[in-house]
Amino acid sequence: MKPGVLVFEPDKEFRWRGHLLFPGLLDGEHIFEITDNGNGTTTFKQSEKFNGILVPLFKKMLDYNTTKGFNLMNTRMKERVEAK
């Protein structure tokens, strides 16, 4: 996959979409959202949407790997941010 950036708004949102071989086969759109809560805290949310004709064949693997990867990334990011 060679993802293309769809949205880049500093301190707000970063979004990209990639395709396996060609659009419609297996597409993934990854979204990072940052919200300033106005009280000195920030909420970070990431999500991913999959589309394409191969999604049903890979759904369990995509769900497991995506959740595992999100949790690991979120843990590491939290550690780095709070260490500063």
PDB file of N, CA and C in Angstrom:
ATOM      1  N   MET A   1       0.839  -1.193   0.000  1.00  0.00           N
ATOM      2  CA  MET A   1       0.000   0.000   0.000  1.00  0.00           C
ATOM      3  C   MET A   1       0.872   1.240   0.000  1.00  0.00           C
ATOM      4  N   LYS A   2       0.491   2.195  -0.792  1.00  0.00           N
ATOM      5  CA  LYS A   2       1.134   3.509  -0.801  1.00  0.00           C
ATOM      6  C   LYS A   2       0.033   4.520  -0.500  1.00  0.00           C
ATOM      7  N   PRO A   3      -0.156   4.836   0.787  1.00  0.00           N
ATOM      8  CA  PRO A   3      -1.272   5.710   1.141  1.00  0.00           C
ATOM      9  C   PRO A   3      -1.089   7.138   0.656  1.00  0.00           C
ATOM     10  N   GLY A   4      -2.220   7.782   0.426  1.00  0.00           N
ATOM     11  CA  GLY A   4      -2.240   9.197   0.068  1.00  0.00           C
ATOM     12  C   GLY A   4      -2.921   9.979   1.175  1.00  0.00           C
ATOM     13  N   VAL A   5      -2.362  11.133   1.493  1.00  0.00           N
ATOM     14  CA  VAL A   5      -2.924  11.976   2.551  1.00  0.00           C
ATOM     15  C   VAL A   5      -4.206  12.641   2.052  1.00  0.00           C
ATOM     16  N   LEU A   6      -5.267  12.520   2.844  1.00  0.00           N
ATOM     17  CA  LEU A   6      -6.561  13.131   2.517  1.00  0.00           C
ATOM     18  C   LEU A   6      -6.768  14.439   3.264  1.00  0.00           C
ATOM     19  N   VAL A   7      -6.356  14.461   4.550  1.00  0.00           N
ATOM     20  CA  VAL A   7      -6.540  15.645   5.397  1.00  0.00           C
ATOM     21  C   VAL A   7      -5.313  15.803   6.275  1.00  0.00           C
ATOM     22  N   PHE A   8      -4.809  17.027   6.353  1.00  0.00           N
ATOM     23  CA  PHE A   8      -3.761  17.338   7.322  1.00  0.00           C
ATOM     24  C   PHE A   8      -4.062  18.713   7.903  1.00  0.00           C
ATOM     25  N   GLU A   9      -4.584  18.731   9.107  1.00  0.00           N
ATOM     26  CA  GLU A   9      -4.856  19.960   9.848  1.00  0.00           C
ATOM     27  C   GLU A   9      -4.050  19.884  11.134  1.00  0.00           C
ATOM     28  N   PRO A  10      -2.925  20.617  11.230  1.00  0.00           N
ATOM     29  CA  PRO A  10      -2.079  20.531  12.433  1.00  0.00           C
ATOM     30  C   PRO A  10      -2.894  20.695  13.709  1.00  0.00           C
ATOM     31  N   ASP A  11      -2.591  19.853  14.675  1.00  0.00           N
ATOM     32  CA  ASP A  11      -3.233  19.855  15.992  1.00  0.00           C
ATOM     33  C   ASP A  11      -4.721  19.509  15.945  1.00  0.00           C
ATOM     34  N   LYS A  12      -5.200  18.958  14.817  1.00  0.00           N
ATOM     35  CA  LYS A  12      -6.618  18.602  14.723  1.00  0.00           C
ATOM     36  C   LYS A  12      -6.846  17.236  14.087  1.00  0.00           C
ATOM     37  N   GLU A  13      -6.382  17.066  12.851  1.00  0.00           N
ATOM     38  CA  GLU A  13      -6.701  15.828  12.149  1.00  0.00           C
ATOM     39  C   GLU A  13      -5.623  15.476  11.117  1.00  0.00           C
ATOM     40  N   PHE A  14      -5.373  14.178  11.019  1.00  0.00           N
ATOM     41  CA  PHE A  14      -4.498  13.619   9.986  1.00  0.00           C
ATOM     42  C   PHE A  14      -5.191  12.367   9.480  1.00  0.00           C
ATOM     43  N   ARG A  15      -5.388  12.299   8.156  1.00  0.00           N
ATOM     44  CA  ARG A  15      -6.149  11.194   7.575  1.00  0.00           C
ATOM     45  C   ARG A  15      -5.498  10.774   6.256  1.00  0.00           C
ATOM     46  N   TRP A  16      -5.378   9.452   6.070  1.00  0.00           N
ATOM     47  CA  TRP A  16      -4.867   8.960   4.803  1.00  0.00           C
ATOM     48  C   TRP A  16      -5.643   7.741   4.361  1.00  0.00           C
ATOM     49  N   ARG A  17      -5.529   7.425   3.075  1.00  0.00           N
ATOM     50  CA  ARG A  17      -6.181   6.237   2.521  1.00  0.00           C
ATOM     51  C   ARG A  17      -5.180   5.492   1.650  1.00  0.00           C
ATOM     52  N   GLY A  18      -5.188   4.182   1.795  1.00  0.00           N
ATOM     53  CA  GLY A  18      -4.334   3.332   0.975  1.00  0.00           C
ATOM     54  C   GLY A  18      -5.149   2.225   0.348  1.00  0.00           C
ATOM     55  N   HIS A  19      -4.620   1.661  -0.715  1.00  0.00           N
ATOM     56  CA  HIS A  19      -5.299   0.597  -1.458  1.00  0.00           C
ATOM     57  C   HIS A  19      -4.341  -0.571  -1.660  1.00  0.00           C
ATOM     58  N   LEU A  20      -4.864  -1.764  -1.586  1.00  0.00           N
ATOM     59  CA  LEU A  20      -4.094  -2.952  -1.936  1.00  0.00           C
ATOM     60  C   LEU A  20      -4.218  -3.141  -3.440  1.00  0.00           C
ATOM     61  N   LEU A  21      -3.140  -2.972  -4.135  1.00  0.00           N
ATOM     62  CA  LEU A  21      -3.035  -3.079  -5.592  1.00  0.00           C
ATOM     63  C   LEU A  21      -3.823  -2.002  -6.334  1.00  0.00           C
ATOM     64  N   PHE A  22      -5.149  -1.953  -6.161  1.00  0.00           N
ATOM     65  CA  PHE A  22      -5.952  -0.933  -6.834  1.00  0.00           C
ATOM     66  C   PHE A  22      -7.206  -0.658  -6.008  1.00  0.00           C
ATOM     67  N   PRO A  23      -7.788   0.546  -6.139  1.00  0.00           N
ATOM     68  CA  PRO A  23      -8.975   0.903  -5.357  1.00  0.00           C
ATOM     69  C   PRO A  23     -10.125  -0.086  -5.567  1.00  0.00           C
ATOM     70  N   GLY A  24     -10.785  -0.399  -4.447  1.00  0.00           N
ATOM     71  CA  GLY A  24     -11.947  -1.287  -4.484  1.00  0.00           C
ATOM     72  C   GLY A  24     -11.637  -2.725  -4.110  1.00  0.00           C
ATOM     73  N   LEU A  25     -10.366  -3.079  -4.110  1.00  0.00           N
ATOM     74  CA  LEU A  25      -9.985  -4.436  -3.737  1.00  0.00           C
ATOM     75  C   LEU A  25      -9.918  -4.552  -2.216  1.00  0.00           C
ATOM     76  N   LEU A  26      -9.070  -3.740  -1.598  1.00  0.00           N
ATOM     77  CA  LEU A  26      -8.974  -3.626  -0.142  1.00  0.00           C
ATOM     78  C   LEU A  26      -8.444  -2.235   0.149  1.00  0.00           C
ATOM     79  N   ASP A  27      -9.324  -1.372   0.598  1.00  0.00           N
ATOM     80  CA  ASP A  27      -8.984   0.015   0.878  1.00  0.00           C
ATOM     81  C   ASP A  27      -9.019   0.245   2.380  1.00  0.00           C
ATOM     82  N   GLY A  28      -8.065   1.006   2.880  1.00  0.00           N
ATOM     83  CA  GLY A  28      -8.042   1.358   4.298  1.00  0.00           C
ATOM     84  C   GLY A  28      -7.869   2.848   4.472  1.00  0.00           C
ATOM     85  N   GLU A  29      -8.737   3.445   5.270  1.00  0.00           N
ATOM     86  CA  GLU A  29      -8.635   4.870   5.588  1.00  0.00           C
ATOM     87  C   GLU A  29      -8.358   4.997   7.076  1.00  0.00           C
ATOM     88  N   HIS A  30      -7.224   5.605   7.411  1.00  0.00           N
ATOM     89  CA  HIS A  30      -6.789   5.748   8.799  1.00  0.00           C
ATOM     90  C   HIS A  30      -6.962   7.199   9.216  1.00  0.00           C
ATOM     91  N   ILE A  31      -7.511   7.402  10.414  1.00  0.00           N
ATOM     92  CA  ILE A  31      -7.841   8.745  10.886  1.00  0.00           C
ATOM     93  C   ILE A  31      -7.277   8.955  12.284  1.00  0.00           C
ATOM     94  N   PHE A  32      -6.560  10.061  12.452  1.00  0.00           N
ATOM     95  CA  PHE A  32      -6.095  10.519  13.762  1.00  0.00           C
ATOM     96  C   PHE A  32      -6.799  11.838  14.045  1.00  0.00           C
ATOM     97  N   GLU A  33      -7.452  11.954  15.195  1.00  0.00           N
ATOM     98  CA  GLU A  33      -8.127  13.197  15.579  1.00  0.00           C
ATOM     99  C   GLU A  33      -7.622  13.644  16.945  1.00  0.00           C
ATOM    100  N   ILE A  34      -7.348  14.934  17.077  1.00  0.00           N
ATOM    101  CA  ILE A  34      -6.876  15.507  18.337  1.00  0.00           C
ATOM    102  C   ILE A  34      -7.849  16.610  18.736  1.00  0.00           C
ATOM    103  N   THR A  35      -8.328  16.541  19.978  1.00  0.00           N
ATOM    104  CA  THR A  35      -9.269  17.530  20.487  1.00  0.00           C
ATOM    105  C   THR A  35      -8.704  18.175  21.746  1.00  0.00           C
ATOM    106  N   ASP A  36      -8.604  19.485  21.727  1.00  0.00           N
ATOM    107  CA  ASP A  36      -8.218  20.240  22.924  1.00  0.00           C
ATOM    108  C   ASP A  36      -9.462  20.347  23.797  1.00  0.00           C
ATOM    109  N   ASN A  37      -9.405  19.775  24.989  1.00  0.00           N
ATOM    110  CA  ASN A  37     -10.569  19.767  25.875  1.00  0.00           C
ATOM    111  C   ASN A  37     -10.780  21.083  26.608  1.00  0.00           C
ATOM    112  N   GLY A  38      -9.845  22.030  26.442  1.00  0.00           N
ATOM    113  CA  GLY A  38     -10.005  23.348  27.053  1.00  0.00           C
ATOM    114  C   GLY A  38      -9.696  23.393  28.534  1.00  0.00           C
ATOM    115  N   ASN A  39      -9.221  22.290  29.098  1.00  0.00           N
ATOM    116  CA  ASN A  39      -8.929  22.250  30.529  1.00  0.00           C
ATOM    117  C   ASN A  39      -7.501  21.754  30.792  1.00  0.00           C
ATOM    118  N   GLY A  40      -6.641  21.888  29.762  1.00  0.00           N
ATOM    119  CA  GLY A  40      -5.266  21.420  29.904  1.00  0.00           C
ATOM    120  C   GLY A  40      -5.071  19.972  29.501  1.00  0.00           C
ATOM    121  N   THR A  41      -6.139  19.324  29.056  1.00  0.00           N
ATOM    122  CA  THR A  41      -6.031  17.942  28.595  1.00  0.00           C
ATOM    123  C   THR A  41      -6.384  17.866  27.111  1.00  0.00           C
ATOM    124  N   THR A  42      -5.978  16.778  26.519  1.00  0.00           N
ATOM    125  CA  THR A  42      -6.229  16.548  25.096  1.00  0.00           C
ATOM    126  C   THR A  42      -6.786  15.143  24.917  1.00  0.00           C
ATOM    127  N   THR A  43      -7.731  15.012  23.997  1.00  0.00           N
ATOM    128  CA  THR A  43      -8.255  13.699  23.645  1.00  0.00           C
ATOM    129  C   THR A  43      -7.719  13.321  22.274  1.00  0.00           C
ATOM    130  N   PHE A  44      -7.140  12.129  22.198  1.00  0.00           N
ATOM    131  CA  PHE A  44      -6.623  11.589  20.943  1.00  0.00           C
ATOM    132  C   PHE A  44      -7.487  10.401  20.545  1.00  0.00           C
ATOM    133  N   LYS A  45      -7.916  10.379  19.305  1.00  0.00           N
ATOM    134  CA  LYS A  45      -8.740   9.271  18.816  1.00  0.00           C
ATOM    135  C   LYS A  45      -8.185   8.837  17.465  1.00  0.00           C
ATOM    136  N   GLN A  46      -8.055   7.538  17.293  1.00  0.00           N
ATOM    137  CA  GLN A  46      -7.696   7.025  15.981  1.00  0.00           C
ATOM    138  C   GLN A  46      -8.689   5.951  15.576  1.00  0.00           C
ATOM    139  N   SER A  47      -8.907   5.854  14.286  1.00  0.00           N
ATOM    140  CA  SER A  47      -9.828   4.852  13.767  1.00  0.00           C
ATOM    141  C   SER A  47      -9.388   4.463  12.364  1.00  0.00           C
ATOM    142  N   GLU A  48      -9.933   3.375  11.901  1.00  0.00           N
ATOM    143  CA  GLU A  48      -9.636   2.917  10.553  1.00  0.00           C
ATOM    144  C   GLU A  48     -10.890   2.304   9.963  1.00  0.00           C
ATOM    145  N   LYS A  49     -11.143   2.617   8.711  1.00  0.00           N
ATOM    146  CA  LYS A  49     -12.282   2.061   7.987  1.00  0.00           C
ATOM    147  C   LYS A  49     -11.740   1.253   6.825  1.00  0.00           C
ATOM    148  N   PHE A  50     -12.255   0.052   6.656  1.00  0.00           N
ATOM    149  CA  PHE A  50     -11.856  -0.790   5.544  1.00  0.00           C
ATOM    150  C   PHE A  50     -13.033  -0.981   4.602  1.00  0.00           C
ATOM    151  N   ASN A  51     -12.746  -0.932   3.310  1.00  0.00           N
ATOM    152  CA  ASN A  51     -13.744  -1.164   2.273  1.00  0.00           C
ATOM    153  C   ASN A  51     -13.106  -1.989   1.167  1.00  0.00           C
ATOM    154  N   GLY A  52     -13.939  -2.595   0.355  1.00  0.00           N
ATOM    155  CA  GLY A  52     -13.450  -3.345  -0.799  1.00  0.00           C
ATOM    156  C   GLY A  52     -13.939  -4.777  -0.789  1.00  0.00           C
ATOM    157  N   ILE A  53     -13.790  -5.416  -1.929  1.00  0.00           N
ATOM    158  CA  ILE A  53     -14.352  -6.762  -2.078  1.00  0.00           C
ATOM    159  C   ILE A  53     -13.623  -7.822  -1.249  1.00  0.00           C
ATOM    160  N   LEU A  54     -12.388  -7.557  -0.830  1.00  0.00           N
ATOM    161  CA  LEU A  54     -11.652  -8.534  -0.021  1.00  0.00           C
ATOM    162  C   LEU A  54     -11.887  -8.396   1.483  1.00  0.00           C
ATOM    163  N   VAL A  55     -12.569  -7.351   1.907  1.00  0.00           N
ATOM    164  CA  VAL A  55     -12.779  -7.131   3.346  1.00  0.00           C
ATOM    165  C   VAL A  55     -13.418  -8.333   4.035  1.00  0.00           C
ATOM    166  N   PRO A  56     -14.472  -8.943   3.497  1.00  0.00           N
ATOM    167  CA  PRO A  56     -15.068 -10.094   4.193  1.00  0.00           C
ATOM    168  C   PRO A  56     -14.077 -11.250   4.410  1.00  0.00           C
ATOM    169  N   LEU A  57     -13.158 -11.444   3.497  1.00  0.00           N
ATOM    170  CA  LEU A  57     -12.187 -12.531   3.623  1.00  0.00           C
ATOM    171  C   LEU A  57     -11.152 -12.262   4.718  1.00  0.00           C
ATOM    172  N   PHE A  58     -10.862 -10.990   4.964  1.00  0.00           N
ATOM    173  CA  PHE A  58      -9.812 -10.618   5.916  1.00  0.00           C
ATOM    174  C   PHE A  58     -10.344  -9.918   7.164  1.00  0.00           C
ATOM    175  N   LYS A  59     -11.665  -9.870   7.350  1.00  0.00           N
ATOM    176  CA  LYS A  59     -12.264  -9.079   8.430  1.00  0.00           C
ATOM    177  C   LYS A  59     -11.704  -9.420   9.809  1.00  0.00           C
ATOM    178  N   LYS A  60     -11.657 -10.678  10.174  1.00  0.00           N
ATOM    179  CA  LYS A  60     -11.163 -11.053  11.506  1.00  0.00           C
ATOM    180  C   LYS A  60      -9.710 -10.632  11.687  1.00  0.00           C
ATOM    181  N   MET A  61      -8.886 -10.865  10.686  1.00  0.00           N
ATOM    182  CA  MET A  61      -7.478 -10.493  10.768  1.00  0.00           C
ATOM    183  C   MET A  61      -7.323  -8.977  10.847  1.00  0.00           C
ATOM    184  N   LEU A  62      -8.075  -8.244  10.023  1.00  0.00           N
ATOM    185  CA  LEU A  62      -8.005  -6.785  10.040  1.00  0.00           C
ATOM    186  C   LEU A  62      -8.436  -6.243  11.399  1.00  0.00           C
ATOM    187  N   ASP A  63      -9.535  -6.759  11.925  1.00  0.00           N
ATOM    188  CA  ASP A  63     -10.026  -6.295  13.227  1.00  0.00           C
ATOM    189  C   ASP A  63      -9.001  -6.574  14.321  1.00  0.00           C
ATOM    190  N   TYR A  64      -8.440  -7.780  14.371  1.00  0.00           N
ATOM    191  CA  TYR A  64      -7.480  -8.149  15.405  1.00  0.00           C
ATOM    192  C   TYR A  64      -6.196  -7.327  15.281  1.00  0.00           C
ATOM    193  N   ASN A  65      -5.616  -7.289  14.094  1.00  0.00           N
ATOM    194  CA  ASN A  65      -4.361  -6.559  13.907  1.00  0.00           C
ATOM    195  C   ASN A  65      -4.527  -5.060  14.114  1.00  0.00           C
ATOM    196  N   THR A  66      -5.648  -4.515  13.666  1.00  0.00           N
ATOM    197  CA  THR A  66      -5.892  -3.088  13.830  1.00  0.00           C
ATOM    198  C   THR A  66      -6.009  -2.740  15.306  1.00  0.00           C
ATOM    199  N   THR A  67      -6.810  -3.491  16.050  1.00  0.00           N
ATOM    200  CA  THR A  67      -6.983  -3.233  17.479  1.00  0.00           C
ATOM    201  C   THR A  67      -5.660  -3.388  18.226  1.00  0.00           C
ATOM    202  N   LYS A  68      -4.937  -4.443  17.935  1.00  0.00           N
ATOM    203  CA  LYS A  68      -3.643  -4.680  18.585  1.00  0.00           C
ATOM    204  C   LYS A  68      -2.672  -3.536  18.281  1.00  0.00           C
ATOM    205  N   GLY A  69      -2.591  -3.133  17.035  1.00  0.00           N
ATOM    206  CA  GLY A  69      -1.699  -2.040  16.639  1.00  0.00           C
ATOM    207  C   GLY A  69      -2.096  -0.716  17.266  1.00  0.00           C
ATOM    208  N   PHE A  70      -3.396  -0.414  17.290  1.00  0.00           N
ATOM    209  CA  PHE A  70      -3.876   0.826  17.916  1.00  0.00           C
ATOM    210  C   PHE A  70      -3.499   0.857  19.389  1.00  0.00           C
ATOM    211  N   ASN A  71      -3.757  -0.240  20.093  1.00  0.00           N
ATOM    212  CA  ASN A  71      -3.474  -0.280  21.529  1.00  0.00           C
ATOM    213  C   ASN A  71      -1.993  -0.091  21.806  1.00  0.00           C
ATOM    214  N   LEU A  72      -1.135  -0.741  21.040  1.00  0.00           N
ATOM    215  CA  LEU A  72       0.298  -0.593  21.225  1.00  0.00           C
ATOM    216  C   LEU A  72       0.755   0.834  20.929  1.00  0.00           C
ATOM    217  N   MET A  73       0.297   1.381  19.825  1.00  0.00           N
ATOM    218  CA  MET A  73       0.670   2.749  19.476  1.00  0.00           C
ATOM    219  C   MET A  73       0.181   3.737  20.523  1.00  0.00           C
ATOM    220  N   ASN A  74      -1.051   3.589  20.956  1.00  0.00           N
ATOM    221  CA  ASN A  74      -1.611   4.509  21.948  1.00  0.00           C
ATOM    222  C   ASN A  74      -0.838   4.452  23.260  1.00  0.00           C
ATOM    223  N   THR A  75      -0.466   3.258  23.681  1.00  0.00           N
ATOM    224  CA  THR A  75       0.300   3.106  24.918  1.00  0.00           C
ATOM    225  C   THR A  75       1.646   3.805  24.800  1.00  0.00           C
ATOM    226  N   ARG A  76       2.350   3.575  23.698  1.00  0.00           N
ATOM    227  CA  ARG A  76       3.673   4.181  23.501  1.00  0.00           C
ATOM    228  C   ARG A  76       3.570   5.706  23.384  1.00  0.00           C
ATOM    229  N   MET A  77       2.564   6.178  22.673  1.00  0.00           N
ATOM    230  CA  MET A  77       2.399   7.619  22.517  1.00  0.00           C
ATOM    231  C   MET A  77       2.109   8.271  23.871  1.00  0.00           C
ATOM    232  N   LYS A  78       1.243   7.673  24.656  1.00  0.00           N
ATOM    233  CA  LYS A  78       0.905   8.207  25.979  1.00  0.00           C
ATOM    234  C   LYS A  78       2.160   8.275  26.859  1.00  0.00           C
ATOM    235  N   GLU A  79       2.968   7.224  26.823  1.00  0.00           N
ATOM    236  CA  GLU A  79       4.207   7.211  27.608  1.00  0.00           C
ATOM    237  C   GLU A  79       5.134   8.360  27.199  1.00  0.00           C
ATOM    238  N   ARG A  80       5.291   8.553  25.905  1.00  0.00           N
ATOM    239  CA  ARG A  80       6.192   9.611  25.411  1.00  0.00           C
ATOM    240  C   ARG A  80       5.674  11.007  25.738  1.00  0.00           C
ATOM    241  N   VAL A  81       4.388  11.218  25.536  1.00  0.00           N
ATOM    242  CA  VAL A  81       3.801  12.545  25.799  1.00  0.00           C
ATOM    243  C   VAL A  81       3.855  12.894  27.275  1.00  0.00           C
ATOM    244  N   GLU A  82       3.533  11.928  28.127  1.00  0.00           N
ATOM    245  CA  GLU A  82       3.513  12.204  29.565  1.00  0.00           C
ATOM    246  C   GLU A  82       4.915  12.281  30.164  1.00  0.00           C
ATOM    247  N   ALA A  83       5.923  11.796  29.469  1.00  0.00           N
ATOM    248  CA  ALA A  83       7.301  11.860  29.958  1.00  0.00           C
ATOM    249  C   ALA A  83       7.898  13.254  29.775  1.00  0.00           C
ATOM    250  N   LYS A  84       7.287  14.086  28.982  1.00  0.00           N
ATOM    251  CA  LYS A  84       7.822  15.433  28.699  1.00  0.00           C
ATOM    252  C   LYS A  84       7.430  16.436  29.742  1.00  0.00           C
TER     253      LYS A  84
END
